[in-house]
Amino acid sequence: MNVYQVLKRPILTEKMLKLQENKRQYAFEVDGRANKIEVEKAVHDKFDVTVENVNIVNVKGKTKRMNTRRGLTTGKRADWKKAIVTLREGDSINFFESA
């Protein structure tokens, strides 16, 4: 798998920004077929950092209900995979640097 196919986007929430500061952990939405080895290689190749640990979580999509003119309809958001990557002491990734 290509590096740019494995990593879809970084997850920048308040909780993840706190983990970046305190524990050097970064979260990414990754391809559903990606494994820990591929995620580690993709992060290393793209950001040139040393990865200590990778944890992967399968996130289930929420079910949604919507009231329309035709009645109550139900749907579901897509399932997705999240990878939490721990970096070596001294390494960091800056998502907000100017392009």
C-alpha atoms as a PDB file:
ATOM      1  CA  MET A   1       0.000   0.000   0.000  1.00  0.00           C
ATOM      2  CA  ASN A   2       1.197   3.506  -0.791  1.00  0.00           C
ATOM      3  CA  VAL A   3       2.075   5.921   2.061  1.00  0.00           C
ATOM      4  CA  TYR A   4      -0.612   8.337   0.973  1.00  0.00           C
ATOM      5  CA  GLN A   5      -3.204   5.555   0.850  1.00  0.00           C
ATOM      6  CA  VAL A   6      -2.534   4.360   4.414  1.00  0.00           C
ATOM      7  CA  LEU A   7      -2.801   7.741   6.178  1.00  0.00           C
ATOM      8  CA  LYS A   8      -6.049   9.514   5.316  1.00  0.00           C
ATOM      9  CA  ARG A   9      -6.006  12.483   7.703  1.00  0.00           C
ATOM     10  CA  PRO A  10      -4.785  13.504  11.159  1.00  0.00           C
ATOM     11  CA  ILE A  11      -7.341  13.649  13.961  1.00  0.00           C
ATOM     12  CA  LEU A  12      -7.050  17.047  15.631  1.00  0.00           C
ATOM     13  CA  THR A  13      -9.431  17.091  18.577  1.00  0.00           C
ATOM     14  CA  GLU A  14      -8.977  18.704  21.962  1.00  0.00           C
ATOM     15  CA  LYS A  15      -8.265  15.323  23.539  1.00  0.00           C
ATOM     16  CA  MET A  16      -5.656  14.402  20.923  1.00  0.00           C
ATOM     17  CA  LEU A  17      -3.924  17.801  21.163  1.00  0.00           C
ATOM     18  CA  LYS A  18      -3.536  17.211  24.912  1.00  0.00           C
ATOM     19  CA  LEU A  19      -2.058  13.740  24.252  1.00  0.00           C
ATOM     20  CA  GLN A  20       0.374  15.285  21.740  1.00  0.00           C
ATOM     21  CA  GLU A  21       1.702  17.664  24.381  1.00  0.00           C
ATOM     22  CA  ASN A  22       1.860  15.229  27.298  1.00  0.00           C
ATOM     23  CA  LYS A  23       2.546  11.779  25.825  1.00  0.00           C
ATOM     24  CA  ARG A  24       3.840  12.372  22.258  1.00  0.00           C
ATOM     25  CA  GLN A  25       0.830  10.501  20.826  1.00  0.00           C
ATOM     26  CA  TYR A  26      -0.699  11.414  17.457  1.00  0.00           C
ATOM     27  CA  ALA A  27      -3.914  10.059  15.935  1.00  0.00           C
ATOM     28  CA  PHE A  28      -4.658   9.415  12.274  1.00  0.00           C
ATOM     29  CA  GLU A  29      -7.603   8.108  10.329  1.00  0.00           C
ATOM     30  CA  VAL A  30      -6.148   5.219   8.352  1.00  0.00           C
ATOM     31  CA  ASP A  31      -7.286   2.877   5.598  1.00  0.00           C
ATOM     32  CA  GLY A  32      -9.508   0.050   6.824  1.00  0.00           C
ATOM     33  CA  ARG A  33      -7.097  -2.588   5.499  1.00  0.00           C
ATOM     34  CA  ALA A  34      -3.955  -1.075   7.086  1.00  0.00           C
ATOM     35  CA  ASN A  35      -2.117  -2.879   9.875  1.00  0.00           C
ATOM     36  CA  LYS A  36       0.286  -1.619  12.557  1.00  0.00           C
ATOM     37  CA  ILE A  37       3.417  -2.266  10.493  1.00  0.00           C
ATOM     38  CA  GLU A  38       2.088  -0.326   7.497  1.00  0.00           C
ATOM     39  CA  VAL A  39       0.976   2.586   9.699  1.00  0.00           C
ATOM     40  CA  GLU A  40       4.390   2.751  11.392  1.00  0.00           C
ATOM     41  CA  LYS A  41       6.191   2.749   8.033  1.00  0.00           C
ATOM     42  CA  ALA A  42       3.850   5.395   6.573  1.00  0.00           C
ATOM     43  CA  VAL A  43       4.308   7.778   9.541  1.00  0.00           C
ATOM     44  CA  HIS A  44       8.088   7.261   9.469  1.00  0.00           C
ATOM     45  CA  ASP A  45       8.302   7.895   5.706  1.00  0.00           C
ATOM     46  CA  LYS A  46       5.982  10.914   5.623  1.00  0.00           C
ATOM     47  CA  PHE A  47       7.110  12.809   8.745  1.00  0.00           C
ATOM     48  CA  ASP A  48      10.673  11.430   9.238  1.00  0.00           C
ATOM     49  CA  VAL A  49      10.129  10.517  12.906  1.00  0.00           C
ATOM     50  CA  THR A  50      10.827   7.380  14.951  1.00  0.00           C
ATOM     51  CA  VAL A  51       7.693   5.494  15.995  1.00  0.00           C
ATOM     52  CA  GLU A  52       7.782   3.624  19.320  1.00  0.00           C
ATOM     53  CA  ASN A  53       4.266   2.178  19.425  1.00  0.00           C
ATOM     54  CA  VAL A  54       1.105   1.922  17.302  1.00  0.00           C
ATOM     55  CA  ASN A  55      -2.380   1.214  18.634  1.00  0.00           C
ATOM     56  CA  ILE A  56      -5.282   0.670  16.223  1.00  0.00           C
ATOM     57  CA  VAL A  57      -8.997   1.078  16.989  1.00  0.00           C
ATOM     58  CA  ASN A  58     -11.939   0.157  14.751  1.00  0.00           C
ATOM     59  CA  VAL A  59     -14.504   2.934  15.240  1.00  0.00           C
ATOM     60  CA  LYS A  60     -18.112   1.936  14.602  1.00  0.00           C
ATOM     61  CA  GLY A  61     -20.282   4.426  12.734  1.00  0.00           C
ATOM     62  CA  LYS A  62     -23.222   5.972  14.570  1.00  0.00           C
ATOM     63  CA  THR A  63     -26.770   5.106  13.582  1.00  0.00           C
ATOM     64  CA  LYS A  64     -28.850   8.146  12.691  1.00  0.00           C
ATOM     65  CA  ARG A  65     -32.591   8.702  12.386  1.00  0.00           C
ATOM     66  CA  MET A  66     -34.151  11.462  10.332  1.00  0.00           C
ATOM     67  CA  ASN A  67     -37.781  12.547  10.116  1.00  0.00           C
ATOM     68  CA  THR A  68     -38.719  13.263   6.490  1.00  0.00           C
ATOM     69  CA  ARG A  69     -41.959  13.783   4.574  1.00  0.00           C
ATOM     70  CA  ARG A  70     -42.012  10.085   3.784  1.00  0.00           C
ATOM     71  CA  GLY A  71     -41.685   9.132   7.433  1.00  0.00           C
ATOM     72  CA  LEU A  72     -38.905   8.156   9.783  1.00  0.00           C
ATOM     73  CA  THR A  73     -35.805   6.928   7.962  1.00  0.00           C
ATOM     74  CA  THR A  74     -32.712   5.389   9.509  1.00  0.00           C
ATOM     75  CA  GLY A  75     -29.150   5.408   8.292  1.00  0.00           C
ATOM     76  CA  LYS A  76     -25.644   4.706   9.483  1.00  0.00           C
ATOM     77  CA  ARG A  77     -22.348   6.553   9.255  1.00  0.00           C
ATOM     78  CA  ALA A  78     -19.444   4.608   7.832  1.00  0.00           C
ATOM     79  CA  ASP A  79     -17.145   2.551  10.070  1.00  0.00           C
ATOM     80  CA  TRP A  80     -13.526   3.723  10.085  1.00  0.00           C
ATOM     81  CA  LYS A  81     -10.146   2.866  11.555  1.00  0.00           C
ATOM     82  CA  LYS A  82      -8.080   5.077  13.877  1.00  0.00           C
ATOM     83  CA  ALA A  83      -4.376   4.661  14.631  1.00  0.00           C
ATOM     84  CA  ILE A  84      -2.739   6.240  17.692  1.00  0.00           C
ATOM     85  CA  VAL A  85       1.017   6.543  17.170  1.00  0.00           C
ATOM     86  CA  THR A  86       3.517   7.134  20.004  1.00  0.00           C
ATOM     87  CA  LEU A  87       6.759   8.838  18.973  1.00  0.00           C
ATOM     88  CA  ARG A  88      10.241   8.619  20.463  1.00  0.00           C
ATOM     89  CA  GLU A  89      11.326  11.234  23.038  1.00  0.00           C
ATOM     90  CA  GLY A  90      12.320  14.428  21.224  1.00  0.00           C
ATOM     91  CA  ASP A  91      10.354  13.731  18.019  1.00  0.00           C
ATOM     92  CA  SER A  92       7.208  15.668  17.124  1.00  0.00           C
ATOM     93  CA  ILE A  93       4.916  16.348  14.179  1.00  0.00           C
ATOM     94  CA  ASN A  94       3.731  19.893  13.429  1.00  0.00           C
ATOM     95  CA  PHE A  95       0.459  19.866  11.471  1.00  0.00           C
ATOM     96  CA  PHE A  96       0.115  23.659  11.549  1.00  0.00           C
ATOM     97  CA  GLU A  97       3.351  24.749   9.867  1.00  0.00           C
ATOM     98  CA  SER A  98       2.989  27.051   6.866  1.00  0.00           C
ATOM     99  CA  ALA A  99       2.884  25.280   3.523  1.00  0.00           C
END
